[in-house]
């Protein structure tokens, strides 16, 4: 029997205790540890692009990472954190989602799930939701987990890469006149502006971008907004987009509203949702089609 992803959390953490682990190696090792049959190893998801067991190992790793017990080291690799070692030292009987709720980072991740999804989940337990409502609730939960993962990766990325991601996202959202309308700045002499989007081929109309890669507990204050406003003035531009992986303080929002320039603020959770929506740093692997009866066919 293929174990559920919560039953895999402790084994995944234990694998990482000996050093950096490649996710594909973790899958193979756990297949042996759980003595899966060849049929169980090869059982695919409906998409046919990933085995069911590998998918559950990935989910286990993702939840452990959200709680801070694991961290990414490089593409497709992870390692245990100091807190993860502390947890293993206590040798808990089981590590699951309930266990991870003791960590603020994991609770923050869970809180990003909309109230609507939670309501649908509760209704589902009571048997009051329709199948299409359950599909939508599951879809939202998957996207929430993906957005949280993207946000963690952005906070760990190099500043130049982060700035490039923001420019790429804005182009995907339709800003600019074409695929070459965005440029990264962020060098001396650029007055603290990180990127620019030309809204026309000649660059007569422009949007300037400020990108701050901060941790979740470091909100952007009003001072940074005023500095950005000053930079826009030096560039003789009245439109700007300020993006951060953290959040904006109430005074920052108030300052942005009062200034003469049009400054749009995008915080970490909103940034991650936009990346999912416009497929920046992620890709669609499966599409479900829901058919309904065509009434006119039977008339």
C-alpha atoms as a PDB file:
ATOM      1  CA  UNK A   1       0.000   0.000   0.000  1.00  0.00           C
ATOM      2  CA  UNK A   2       1.336   3.429  -0.950  1.00  0.00           C
ATOM      3  CA  UNK A   3       1.722   5.566   2.213  1.00  0.00           C
ATOM      4  CA  UNK A   4       0.025   8.954   2.391  1.00  0.00           C
ATOM      5  CA  UNK A   5       2.179  12.081   2.267  1.00  0.00           C
ATOM      6  CA  UNK A   6       1.896  12.770   6.007  1.00  0.00           C
ATOM      7  CA  UNK A   7       3.265   9.325   6.809  1.00  0.00           C
ATOM      8  CA  UNK A   8       6.245  10.218   4.617  1.00  0.00           C
ATOM      9  CA  UNK A   9       7.165  13.411   6.485  1.00  0.00           C
ATOM     10  CA  UNK A  10       9.310  11.834   9.189  1.00  0.00           C
ATOM     11  CA  UNK A  11      11.093   9.425   6.791  1.00  0.00           C
ATOM     12  CA  UNK A  12      11.890  12.319   4.429  1.00  0.00           C
ATOM     13  CA  UNK A  13      13.299  14.346   7.326  1.00  0.00           C
ATOM     14  CA  UNK A  14      15.364  11.364   8.492  1.00  0.00           C
ATOM     15  CA  UNK A  15      16.847  10.920   5.018  1.00  0.00           C
ATOM     16  CA  UNK A  16      18.049  14.524   5.067  1.00  0.00           C
ATOM     17  CA  UNK A  17      19.758  14.066   8.449  1.00  0.00           C
ATOM     18  CA  UNK A  18      22.817  12.519   6.777  1.00  0.00           C
ATOM     19  CA  UNK A  19      23.384  15.421   4.375  1.00  0.00           C
ATOM     20  CA  UNK A  20      22.126  16.980   1.161  1.00  0.00           C
ATOM     21  CA  UNK A  21      19.560  14.814  -0.630  1.00  0.00           C
ATOM     22  CA  UNK A  22      18.421  14.789  -4.233  1.00  0.00           C
ATOM     23  CA  UNK A  23      14.639  14.486  -4.389  1.00  0.00           C
ATOM     24  CA  UNK A  24      14.743  11.698  -6.990  1.00  0.00           C
ATOM     25  CA  UNK A  25      17.180   9.736  -4.790  1.00  0.00           C
ATOM     26  CA  UNK A  26      14.836  10.237  -1.830  1.00  0.00           C
ATOM     27  CA  UNK A  27      11.971   8.755  -3.840  1.00  0.00           C
ATOM     28  CA  UNK A  28      13.994   5.669  -4.769  1.00  0.00           C
ATOM     29  CA  UNK A  29      15.267   5.142  -1.225  1.00  0.00           C
ATOM     30  CA  UNK A  30      11.797   5.462   0.286  1.00  0.00           C
ATOM     31  CA  UNK A  31      10.393   3.063  -2.292  1.00  0.00           C
ATOM     32  CA  UNK A  32      12.805   0.493  -0.873  1.00  0.00           C
ATOM     33  CA  UNK A  33      12.197   1.445   2.756  1.00  0.00           C
ATOM     34  CA  UNK A  34       8.439   1.024   2.354  1.00  0.00           C
ATOM     35  CA  UNK A  35       8.919  -2.127   0.257  1.00  0.00           C
ATOM     36  CA  UNK A  36       6.673  -0.964  -2.521  1.00  0.00           C
ATOM     37  CA  UNK A  37       5.790  -3.459  -5.193  1.00  0.00           C
ATOM     38  CA  UNK A  38       6.702  -2.764  -8.825  1.00  0.00           C
ATOM     39  CA  UNK A  39       3.061  -1.986  -9.472  1.00  0.00           C
ATOM     40  CA  UNK A  40       2.965   0.538  -6.622  1.00  0.00           C
ATOM     41  CA  UNK A  41       6.214   2.142  -7.779  1.00  0.00           C
ATOM     42  CA  UNK A  42       4.897   2.629 -11.291  1.00  0.00           C
ATOM     43  CA  UNK A  43       1.376   3.789 -10.389  1.00  0.00           C
ATOM     44  CA  UNK A  44       0.904   7.137 -12.117  1.00  0.00           C
ATOM     45  CA  UNK A  45      -1.234  10.152 -11.385  1.00  0.00           C
ATOM     46  CA  UNK A  46      -4.066  10.731 -13.885  1.00  0.00           C
ATOM     47  CA  UNK A  47      -1.791  13.179 -15.726  1.00  0.00           C
ATOM     48  CA  UNK A  48       0.600  10.308 -16.484  1.00  0.00           C
ATOM     49  CA  UNK A  49       3.592  12.595 -15.806  1.00  0.00           C
ATOM     50  CA  UNK A  50       4.525  11.596 -12.264  1.00  0.00           C
ATOM     51  CA  UNK A  51       4.148   8.533 -10.074  1.00  0.00           C
ATOM     52  CA  UNK A  52       1.726   8.751  -7.198  1.00  0.00           C
ATOM     53  CA  UNK A  53       4.440   7.894  -4.681  1.00  0.00           C
ATOM     54  CA  UNK A  54       6.872  10.536  -5.988  1.00  0.00           C
ATOM     55  CA  UNK A  55       4.095  13.106  -5.825  1.00  0.00           C
ATOM     56  CA  UNK A  56       3.494  12.299  -2.162  1.00  0.00           C
ATOM     57  CA  UNK A  57       7.210  12.509  -1.353  1.00  0.00           C
ATOM     58  CA  UNK A  58       7.302  15.957  -2.984  1.00  0.00           C
ATOM     59  CA  UNK A  59       4.314  17.084  -0.890  1.00  0.00           C
ATOM     60  CA  UNK A  60       5.925  15.779   2.307  1.00  0.00           C
ATOM     61  CA  UNK A  61       9.126  17.676   1.536  1.00  0.00           C
ATOM     62  CA  UNK A  62       7.164  20.834   0.674  1.00  0.00           C
ATOM     63  CA  UNK A  63       5.301  20.842   3.995  1.00  0.00           C
ATOM     64  CA  UNK A  64       8.491  20.218   5.976  1.00  0.00           C
ATOM     65  CA  UNK A  65      10.136  23.093   4.137  1.00  0.00           C
ATOM     66  CA  UNK A  66       7.221  25.421   4.887  1.00  0.00           C
ATOM     67  CA  UNK A  67       7.678  24.649   8.588  1.00  0.00           C
ATOM     68  CA  UNK A  68      11.411  25.326   8.409  1.00  0.00           C
ATOM     69  CA  UNK A  69      12.557  21.757   9.066  1.00  0.00           C
ATOM     70  CA  UNK A  70      14.074  21.451   5.580  1.00  0.00           C
ATOM     71  CA  UNK A  71      15.599  23.974   3.190  1.00  0.00           C
ATOM     72  CA  UNK A  72      16.431  23.923  -0.516  1.00  0.00           C
ATOM     73  CA  UNK A  73      20.121  23.873  -1.379  1.00  0.00           C
ATOM     74  CA  UNK A  74      20.042  23.846  -5.168  1.00  0.00           C
ATOM     75  CA  UNK A  75      17.691  22.719  -7.887  1.00  0.00           C
ATOM     76  CA  UNK A  76      16.097  19.407  -6.914  1.00  0.00           C
ATOM     77  CA  UNK A  77      18.114  19.106  -3.685  1.00  0.00           C
ATOM     78  CA  UNK A  78      17.365  19.767  -0.030  1.00  0.00           C
ATOM     79  CA  UNK A  79      18.906  19.415   3.408  1.00  0.00           C
ATOM     80  CA  UNK A  80      17.800  19.362   7.028  1.00  0.00           C
ATOM     81  CA  UNK A  81      17.776  22.582   9.060  1.00  0.00           C
ATOM     82  CA  UNK A  82      18.945  23.035  12.642  1.00  0.00           C
ATOM     83  CA  UNK A  83      15.332  22.918  13.769  1.00  0.00           C
ATOM     84  CA  UNK A  84      14.831  19.721  11.801  1.00  0.00           C
ATOM     85  CA  UNK A  85      17.745  18.129  13.661  1.00  0.00           C
ATOM     86  CA  UNK A  86      16.283  19.291  16.960  1.00  0.00           C
ATOM     87  CA  UNK A  87      12.975  17.645  16.095  1.00  0.00           C
ATOM     88  CA  UNK A  88      14.622  14.344  15.142  1.00  0.00           C
ATOM     89  CA  UNK A  89      16.590  14.459  18.377  1.00  0.00           C
ATOM     90  CA  UNK A  90      13.295  14.235  20.250  1.00  0.00           C
ATOM     91  CA  UNK A  91      12.262  11.260  18.071  1.00  0.00           C
ATOM     92  CA  UNK A  92       8.527  12.027  17.773  1.00  0.00           C
ATOM     93  CA  UNK A  93       6.334   9.057  16.968  1.00  0.00           C
ATOM     94  CA  UNK A  94       4.916  10.857  13.943  1.00  0.00           C
ATOM     95  CA  UNK A  95       5.414  14.115  12.064  1.00  0.00           C
ATOM     96  CA  UNK A  96       2.317  15.310  10.240  1.00  0.00           C
ATOM     97  CA  UNK A  97       0.492  18.529   9.402  1.00  0.00           C
ATOM     98  CA  UNK A  98      -0.863  18.784  12.952  1.00  0.00           C
ATOM     99  CA  UNK A  99       2.668  18.463  14.346  1.00  0.00           C
ATOM    100  CA  UNK A 100       3.907  21.232  12.015  1.00  0.00           C
ATOM    101  CA  UNK A 101       1.295  23.670  13.320  1.00  0.00           C
ATOM    102  CA  UNK A 102       3.655  24.515  16.214  1.00  0.00           C
ATOM    103  CA  UNK A 103       5.705  26.576  13.729  1.00  0.00           C
ATOM    104  CA  UNK A 104       4.678  30.131  12.861  1.00  0.00           C
ATOM    105  CA  UNK A 105       6.017  29.773   9.308  1.00  0.00           C
ATOM    106  CA  UNK A 106       3.751  26.790   8.695  1.00  0.00           C
ATOM    107  CA  UNK A 107       0.760  28.581  10.215  1.00  0.00           C
ATOM    108  CA  UNK A 108       1.476  31.558   7.960  1.00  0.00           C
ATOM    109  CA  UNK A 109       1.507  29.191   5.002  1.00  0.00           C
ATOM    110  CA  UNK A 110      -1.826  27.690   6.066  1.00  0.00           C
ATOM    111  CA  UNK A 111      -3.340  31.126   6.662  1.00  0.00           C
ATOM    112  CA  UNK A 112      -2.810  32.011   3.025  1.00  0.00           C
ATOM    113  CA  UNK A 113      -5.523  29.527   2.160  1.00  0.00           C
ATOM    114  CA  UNK A 114      -8.639  31.597   1.567  1.00  0.00           C
ATOM    115  CA  UNK A 115     -11.605  31.423   3.900  1.00  0.00           C
ATOM    116  CA  UNK A 116     -13.656  30.235   0.957  1.00  0.00           C
ATOM    117  CA  UNK A 117     -11.472  27.149   0.555  1.00  0.00           C
ATOM    118  CA  UNK A 118     -11.700  26.409   4.276  1.00  0.00           C
ATOM    119  CA  UNK A 119     -15.481  26.729   4.182  1.00  0.00           C
ATOM    120  CA  UNK A 120     -15.667  24.363   1.230  1.00  0.00           C
ATOM    121  CA  UNK A 121     -13.409  21.865   2.995  1.00  0.00           C
ATOM    122  CA  UNK A 122     -15.593  21.945   6.101  1.00  0.00           C
ATOM    123  CA  UNK A 123     -18.730  21.550   4.009  1.00  0.00           C
ATOM    124  CA  UNK A 124     -17.117  18.635   2.190  1.00  0.00           C
ATOM    125  CA  UNK A 125     -16.650  16.814   5.487  1.00  0.00           C
ATOM    126  CA  UNK A 126     -20.357  17.254   6.102  1.00  0.00           C
ATOM    127  CA  UNK A 127     -21.148  15.936   2.631  1.00  0.00           C
ATOM    128  CA  UNK A 128     -22.828  19.179   1.557  1.00  0.00           C
ATOM    129  CA  UNK A 129     -20.574  20.187  -1.340  1.00  0.00           C
ATOM    130  CA  UNK A 130     -20.988  19.205  -4.947  1.00  0.00           C
ATOM    131  CA  UNK A 131     -18.145  17.403  -6.765  1.00  0.00           C
ATOM    132  CA  UNK A 132     -17.247  20.506  -8.794  1.00  0.00           C
ATOM    133  CA  UNK A 133     -16.978  22.543  -5.564  1.00  0.00           C
ATOM    134  CA  UNK A 134     -14.586  19.971  -4.146  1.00  0.00           C
ATOM    135  CA  UNK A 135     -12.471  20.140  -7.317  1.00  0.00           C
ATOM    136  CA  UNK A 136     -12.262  23.920  -7.041  1.00  0.00           C
ATOM    137  CA  UNK A 137     -11.335  23.721  -3.354  1.00  0.00           C
ATOM    138  CA  UNK A 138      -8.562  21.206  -4.087  1.00  0.00           C
ATOM    139  CA  UNK A 139      -7.322  23.357  -6.978  1.00  0.00           C
ATOM    140  CA  UNK A 140      -7.098  26.380  -4.682  1.00  0.00           C
ATOM    141  CA  UNK A 141      -5.165  24.420  -2.065  1.00  0.00           C
ATOM    142  CA  UNK A 142      -2.672  23.206  -4.665  1.00  0.00           C
ATOM    143  CA  UNK A 143      -2.164  26.753  -5.941  1.00  0.00           C
ATOM    144  CA  UNK A 144      -1.715  28.056  -2.393  1.00  0.00           C
ATOM    145  CA  UNK A 145       1.033  25.514  -1.765  1.00  0.00           C
ATOM    146  CA  UNK A 146       2.680  26.373  -5.089  1.00  0.00           C
ATOM    147  CA  UNK A 147       2.552  30.109  -4.343  1.00  0.00           C
ATOM    148  CA  UNK A 148       4.101  29.557  -0.919  1.00  0.00           C
ATOM    149  CA  UNK A 149       6.911  27.511  -2.463  1.00  0.00           C
ATOM    150  CA  UNK A 150       7.595  30.201  -5.079  1.00  0.00           C
ATOM    151  CA  UNK A 151       7.753  32.873  -2.376  1.00  0.00           C
ATOM    152  CA  UNK A 152      10.318  30.885  -0.373  1.00  0.00           C
ATOM    153  CA  UNK A 153      12.464  30.461  -3.484  1.00  0.00           C
ATOM    154  CA  UNK A 154      12.293  34.181  -4.280  1.00  0.00           C
ATOM    155  CA  UNK A 155      13.437  35.066  -0.761  1.00  0.00           C
ATOM    156  CA  UNK A 156      16.414  32.745  -1.200  1.00  0.00           C
ATOM    157  CA  UNK A 157      17.303  33.977  -4.710  1.00  0.00           C
ATOM    158  CA  UNK A 158      20.053  36.408  -5.638  1.00  0.00           C
ATOM    159  CA  UNK A 159      18.918  40.064  -5.910  1.00  0.00           C
ATOM    160  CA  UNK A 160      19.659  40.266  -9.650  1.00  0.00           C
ATOM    161  CA  UNK A 161      17.619  37.123 -10.322  1.00  0.00           C
ATOM    162  CA  UNK A 162      14.735  38.477  -8.252  1.00  0.00           C
ATOM    163  CA  UNK A 163      14.736  41.735 -10.218  1.00  0.00           C
ATOM    164  CA  UNK A 164      14.696  39.766 -13.484  1.00  0.00           C
ATOM    165  CA  UNK A 165      11.707  37.735 -12.247  1.00  0.00           C
ATOM    166  CA  UNK A 166       9.738  40.928 -11.552  1.00  0.00           C
ATOM    167  CA  UNK A 167      10.437  42.350 -15.000  1.00  0.00           C
ATOM    168  CA  UNK A 168       9.535  39.003 -16.589  1.00  0.00           C
ATOM    169  CA  UNK A 169       6.269  38.874 -14.621  1.00  0.00           C
ATOM    170  CA  UNK A 170       5.238  42.397 -15.609  1.00  0.00           C
ATOM    171  CA  UNK A 171       5.862  41.603 -19.276  1.00  0.00           C
ATOM    172  CA  UNK A 172       3.779  38.415 -18.949  1.00  0.00           C
ATOM    173  CA  UNK A 173       1.011  40.544 -17.387  1.00  0.00           C
ATOM    174  CA  UNK A 174       0.877  42.702 -20.503  1.00  0.00           C
ATOM    175  CA  UNK A 175       2.980  45.697 -19.525  1.00  0.00           C
ATOM    176  CA  UNK A 176       5.187  47.065 -22.279  1.00  0.00           C
ATOM    177  CA  UNK A 177       4.956  47.055 -26.048  1.00  0.00           C
ATOM    178  CA  UNK A 178       6.501  43.601 -26.510  1.00  0.00           C
ATOM    179  CA  UNK A 179       8.824  40.907 -25.170  1.00  0.00           C
ATOM    180  CA  UNK A 180      11.864  43.230 -25.211  1.00  0.00           C
ATOM    181  CA  UNK A 181      10.216  46.152 -23.441  1.00  0.00           C
ATOM    182  CA  UNK A 182      11.624  45.374 -19.983  1.00  0.00           C
ATOM    183  CA  UNK A 183      15.111  46.064 -18.682  1.00  0.00           C
ATOM    184  CA  UNK A 184      16.903  45.492 -15.396  1.00  0.00           C
ATOM    185  CA  UNK A 185      18.756  48.503 -14.016  1.00  0.00           C
ATOM    186  CA  UNK A 186      19.895  48.366 -10.380  1.00  0.00           C
ATOM    187  CA  UNK A 187      23.370  49.753 -11.102  1.00  0.00           C
ATOM    188  CA  UNK A 188      25.143  52.838  -9.797  1.00  0.00           C
ATOM    189  CA  UNK A 189      23.702  55.935 -11.413  1.00  0.00           C
ATOM    190  CA  UNK A 190      20.206  54.482 -11.710  1.00  0.00           C
ATOM    191  CA  UNK A 191      18.977  56.383  -8.642  1.00  0.00           C
ATOM    192  CA  UNK A 192      17.869  53.277  -6.766  1.00  0.00           C
ATOM    193  CA  UNK A 193      15.449  52.067  -9.456  1.00  0.00           C
ATOM    194  CA  UNK A 194      15.756  48.334 -10.255  1.00  0.00           C
ATOM    195  CA  UNK A 195      13.922  48.000 -13.564  1.00  0.00           C
ATOM    196  CA  UNK A 196      12.028  49.816 -16.273  1.00  0.00           C
ATOM    197  CA  UNK A 197       9.200  48.806 -18.607  1.00  0.00           C
ATOM    198  CA  UNK A 198       8.837  50.802 -21.821  1.00  0.00           C
ATOM    199  CA  UNK A 199       5.166  51.121 -22.689  1.00  0.00           C
ATOM    200  CA  UNK A 200       5.953  52.172 -26.276  1.00  0.00           C
ATOM    201  CA  UNK A 201       8.821  51.357 -28.666  1.00  0.00           C
ATOM    202  CA  UNK A 202      10.479  54.741 -28.173  1.00  0.00           C
ATOM    203  CA  UNK A 203      10.296  54.658 -24.380  1.00  0.00           C
ATOM    204  CA  UNK A 204       8.306  57.872 -24.188  1.00  0.00           C
ATOM    205  CA  UNK A 205       5.953  56.335 -21.629  1.00  0.00           C
ATOM    206  CA  UNK A 206       7.633  54.259 -18.945  1.00  0.00           C
ATOM    207  CA  UNK A 207       6.929  52.402 -15.704  1.00  0.00           C
ATOM    208  CA  UNK A 208       9.758  52.087 -13.197  1.00  0.00           C
ATOM    209  CA  UNK A 209      10.112  49.147 -10.830  1.00  0.00           C
ATOM    210  CA  UNK A 210      11.540  48.819  -7.322  1.00  0.00           C
ATOM    211  CA  UNK A 211      12.131  45.263  -6.064  1.00  0.00           C
ATOM    212  CA  UNK A 212      12.925  44.473  -2.426  1.00  0.00           C
ATOM    213  CA  UNK A 213      13.763  40.865  -1.512  1.00  0.00           C
ATOM    214  CA  UNK A 214      12.962  40.815   2.225  1.00  0.00           C
ATOM    215  CA  UNK A 215      11.976  38.106   4.678  1.00  0.00           C
ATOM    216  CA  UNK A 216       8.359  37.841   5.842  1.00  0.00           C
ATOM    217  CA  UNK A 217       9.036  39.560   9.181  1.00  0.00           C
ATOM    218  CA  UNK A 218      10.620  42.676   7.587  1.00  0.00           C
ATOM    219  CA  UNK A 219       7.814  44.899   6.273  1.00  0.00           C
ATOM    220  CA  UNK A 220       8.467  47.849   3.983  1.00  0.00           C
ATOM    221  CA  UNK A 221       7.938  51.214   5.714  1.00  0.00           C
ATOM    222  CA  UNK A 222       6.914  54.631   4.457  1.00  0.00           C
ATOM    223  CA  UNK A 223      10.531  55.792   4.115  1.00  0.00           C
ATOM    224  CA  UNK A 224      11.216  53.316   1.293  1.00  0.00           C
ATOM    225  CA  UNK A 225       8.088  54.530  -0.527  1.00  0.00           C
ATOM    226  CA  UNK A 226       9.209  58.161  -0.268  1.00  0.00           C
ATOM    227  CA  UNK A 227      12.673  57.207  -1.559  1.00  0.00           C
ATOM    228  CA  UNK A 228      11.083  55.467  -4.544  1.00  0.00           C
ATOM    229  CA  UNK A 229       8.906  58.511  -5.175  1.00  0.00           C
ATOM    230  CA  UNK A 230      12.032  60.653  -5.185  1.00  0.00           C
ATOM    231  CA  UNK A 231      13.691  58.282  -7.673  1.00  0.00           C
ATOM    232  CA  UNK A 232      10.683  58.560  -9.978  1.00  0.00           C
ATOM    233  CA  UNK A 233      10.994  62.349  -9.811  1.00  0.00           C
ATOM    234  CA  UNK A 234      14.641  62.181 -10.849  1.00  0.00           C
ATOM    235  CA  UNK A 235      13.612  60.046 -13.821  1.00  0.00           C
ATOM    236  CA  UNK A 236      10.728  62.410 -14.618  1.00  0.00           C
ATOM    237  CA  UNK A 237       8.332  59.446 -14.450  1.00  0.00           C
ATOM    238  CA  UNK A 238       4.992  59.403 -12.616  1.00  0.00           C
ATOM    239  CA  UNK A 239       4.244  55.664 -12.627  1.00  0.00           C
ATOM    240  CA  UNK A 240       5.980  53.074 -10.516  1.00  0.00           C
ATOM    241  CA  UNK A 241       5.535  49.534  -9.186  1.00  0.00           C
ATOM    242  CA  UNK A 242       7.051  48.608  -5.818  1.00  0.00           C
ATOM    243  CA  UNK A 243       7.363  44.854  -5.286  1.00  0.00           C
ATOM    244  CA  UNK A 244       8.523  43.015  -2.183  1.00  0.00           C
ATOM    245  CA  UNK A 245       8.637  39.439  -0.940  1.00  0.00           C
ATOM    246  CA  UNK A 246       7.542  40.671   2.505  1.00  0.00           C
ATOM    247  CA  UNK A 247       4.695  43.123   3.209  1.00  0.00           C
ATOM    248  CA  UNK A 248       3.951  46.847   3.449  1.00  0.00           C
ATOM    249  CA  UNK A 249       3.227  48.647   6.700  1.00  0.00           C
ATOM    250  CA  UNK A 250      -0.013  50.666   7.012  1.00  0.00           C
ATOM    251  CA  UNK A 251       2.054  53.861   6.818  1.00  0.00           C
ATOM    252  CA  UNK A 252       3.625  52.650   3.564  1.00  0.00           C
ATOM    253  CA  UNK A 253       0.181  52.137   2.030  1.00  0.00           C
ATOM    254  CA  UNK A 254      -0.926  55.561   3.279  1.00  0.00           C
ATOM    255  CA  UNK A 255       2.176  57.245   1.873  1.00  0.00           C
ATOM    256  CA  UNK A 256       1.735  55.617  -1.536  1.00  0.00           C
ATOM    257  CA  UNK A 257      -1.866  56.848  -1.700  1.00  0.00           C
ATOM    258  CA  UNK A 258      -0.974  60.435  -0.796  1.00  0.00           C
ATOM    259  CA  UNK A 259       1.935  60.936  -3.178  1.00  0.00           C
ATOM    260  CA  UNK A 260       1.299  62.518  -6.538  1.00  0.00           C
ATOM    261  CA  UNK A 261       2.809  59.692  -8.577  1.00  0.00           C
ATOM    262  CA  UNK A 262       0.848  56.542  -9.282  1.00  0.00           C
ATOM    263  CA  UNK A 263       2.649  53.911  -7.184  1.00  0.00           C
ATOM    264  CA  UNK A 264       1.310  50.362  -7.079  1.00  0.00           C
ATOM    265  CA  UNK A 265       2.368  48.150  -4.162  1.00  0.00           C
ATOM    266  CA  UNK A 266       2.676  44.364  -4.578  1.00  0.00           C
ATOM    267  CA  UNK A 267       3.474  42.322  -1.461  1.00  0.00           C
ATOM    268  CA  UNK A 268       4.857  38.779  -1.214  1.00  0.00           C
ATOM    269  CA  UNK A 269       1.618  36.748  -1.235  1.00  0.00           C
ATOM    270  CA  UNK A 270       0.180  38.829  -4.095  1.00  0.00           C
ATOM    271  CA  UNK A 271       3.439  38.471  -6.040  1.00  0.00           C
ATOM    272  CA  UNK A 272       3.368  34.682  -5.664  1.00  0.00           C
ATOM    273  CA  UNK A 273      -0.285  34.495  -6.779  1.00  0.00           C
ATOM    274  CA  UNK A 274       0.511  36.588  -9.855  1.00  0.00           C
ATOM    275  CA  UNK A 275       3.398  34.282 -10.718  1.00  0.00           C
ATOM    276  CA  UNK A 276       1.083  31.275 -10.539  1.00  0.00           C
ATOM    277  CA  UNK A 277      -1.618  33.003 -12.605  1.00  0.00           C
ATOM    278  CA  UNK A 278       0.827  34.054 -15.336  1.00  0.00           C
ATOM    279  CA  UNK A 279       2.990  30.901 -15.152  1.00  0.00           C
ATOM    280  CA  UNK A 280       6.243  32.594 -14.194  1.00  0.00           C
ATOM    281  CA  UNK A 281       8.606  30.133 -12.494  1.00  0.00           C
ATOM    282  CA  UNK A 282       5.984  27.389 -12.779  1.00  0.00           C
ATOM    283  CA  UNK A 283       4.116  25.522 -15.465  1.00  0.00           C
ATOM    284  CA  UNK A 284       0.814  23.758 -15.943  1.00  0.00           C
ATOM    285  CA  UNK A 285       1.193  19.989 -15.901  1.00  0.00           C
ATOM    286  CA  UNK A 286      -2.409  18.874 -16.055  1.00  0.00           C
ATOM    287  CA  UNK A 287      -5.768  20.250 -17.167  1.00  0.00           C
ATOM    288  CA  UNK A 288      -9.081  18.784 -16.016  1.00  0.00           C
ATOM    289  CA  UNK A 289     -12.066  19.197 -18.309  1.00  0.00           C
ATOM    290  CA  UNK A 290     -15.501  19.276 -16.690  1.00  0.00           C
ATOM    291  CA  UNK A 291     -18.308  18.528 -19.145  1.00  0.00           C
ATOM    292  CA  UNK A 292     -22.002  19.361 -18.739  1.00  0.00           C
ATOM    293  CA  UNK A 293     -25.033  18.200 -20.659  1.00  0.00           C
ATOM    294  CA  UNK A 294     -25.700  20.226 -23.809  1.00  0.00           C
ATOM    295  CA  UNK A 295     -29.430  20.769 -23.400  1.00  0.00           C
ATOM    296  CA  UNK A 296     -29.959  22.041 -26.943  1.00  0.00           C
ATOM    297  CA  UNK A 297     -28.686  18.724 -28.339  1.00  0.00           C
ATOM    298  CA  UNK A 298     -31.714  16.919 -26.890  1.00  0.00           C
ATOM    299  CA  UNK A 299     -34.348  19.468 -27.888  1.00  0.00           C
END
